[in-house]
Protein backbone atom coordinates (compact mmCIF):
# COMPACT_ATOMS: atom_id res chain seq x y z
CA UNK A 1 144.64 -33.99 -189.94
CA UNK A 2 147.03 -31.54 -191.54
CA UNK A 3 146.45 -27.81 -191.20
CA UNK A 4 144.40 -26.98 -194.29
CA UNK A 5 145.13 -23.27 -193.91
CA UNK A 6 148.15 -23.55 -196.19
CA UNK A 7 146.78 -24.26 -199.65
CA UNK A 8 150.09 -24.71 -201.42
CA UNK A 9 149.65 -28.49 -201.67
CA UNK A 10 147.57 -30.28 -204.25
CA UNK A 11 144.80 -32.54 -203.01
CA UNK A 12 146.90 -35.58 -203.96
CA UNK A 13 149.89 -34.29 -202.00
CA UNK A 14 147.67 -33.50 -199.02
CA UNK A 15 146.21 -37.01 -199.15
CA UNK A 16 149.70 -38.50 -199.29
CA UNK A 17 150.76 -36.52 -196.21
CA UNK A 18 147.59 -37.59 -194.41
CA UNK A 19 148.39 -41.22 -195.29
CA UNK A 20 151.95 -40.87 -193.96
CA UNK A 21 150.62 -39.42 -190.72
CA UNK A 22 148.10 -42.26 -190.36
CA UNK A 23 150.84 -44.87 -190.91
CA UNK A 24 153.09 -43.17 -188.35
CA UNK A 25 150.32 -43.01 -185.79
CA UNK A 26 149.47 -46.67 -186.39
CA UNK A 27 153.08 -47.76 -185.82
CA UNK A 28 153.24 -45.77 -182.59
CA UNK A 29 149.90 -47.16 -181.43
CA UNK A 30 151.04 -50.72 -182.24
CA UNK A 31 153.98 -50.27 -179.89
CA UNK A 32 151.79 -48.84 -177.13
CA UNK A 33 149.32 -51.70 -177.56
CA UNK A 34 152.12 -54.27 -177.29
CA UNK A 35 153.38 -52.62 -174.11
CA UNK A 36 149.87 -52.69 -172.59
CA UNK A 37 148.93 -56.24 -173.58
CA UNK A 38 151.78 -58.63 -174.41
CA UNK A 39 154.75 -56.89 -172.88
CA UNK A 40 158.28 -57.73 -173.95
CA UNK A 41 160.56 -60.74 -173.68
CA UNK A 42 158.58 -63.21 -175.77
CA UNK A 43 159.77 -62.72 -179.34
CA UNK A 44 162.83 -60.55 -179.88
CA UNK A 45 162.40 -60.33 -183.66
CA UNK A 46 158.82 -59.06 -183.62
CA UNK A 47 159.50 -56.83 -180.63
CA UNK A 48 162.46 -55.26 -182.41
CA UNK A 49 160.41 -54.61 -185.52
CA UNK A 50 157.60 -53.05 -183.49
CA UNK A 51 159.90 -50.79 -181.48
CA UNK A 52 161.97 -49.90 -184.56
CA UNK A 53 158.89 -49.02 -186.61
CA UNK A 54 157.54 -46.81 -183.83
CA UNK A 55 160.91 -45.08 -183.45
CA UNK A 56 161.09 -44.41 -187.20
CA UNK A 57 157.51 -43.15 -187.18
CA UNK A 58 158.30 -40.69 -184.39
CA UNK A 59 161.31 -39.37 -186.30
CA UNK A 60 159.27 -38.97 -189.49
CA UNK A 61 156.59 -37.07 -187.58
CA UNK A 62 159.19 -34.73 -186.04
CA UNK A 63 160.64 -33.95 -189.47
CA UNK A 64 157.52 -33.75 -191.64
CA UNK A 65 155.03 -32.55 -189.03
CA UNK A 66 157.05 -30.52 -186.48
CA UNK A 67 153.94 -28.73 -185.21
CA UNK A 68 152.23 -31.99 -184.11
CA UNK A 69 152.80 -33.67 -180.73
């Protein structure tokens, strides 16, 4: 997932970055899935956690992976 053209990372570091990206994408997808299926207004606590996690994931992606959409 990460541009492998820059070989300044160890394989472990590259795997860790790939894992972070996967977690971020999962959090964002969870929010999109909730919007498509359940909607909002049912459970404020869970909704807040879902939206907050997706927001944090987007910020992490912008900082760590600025070249990705």
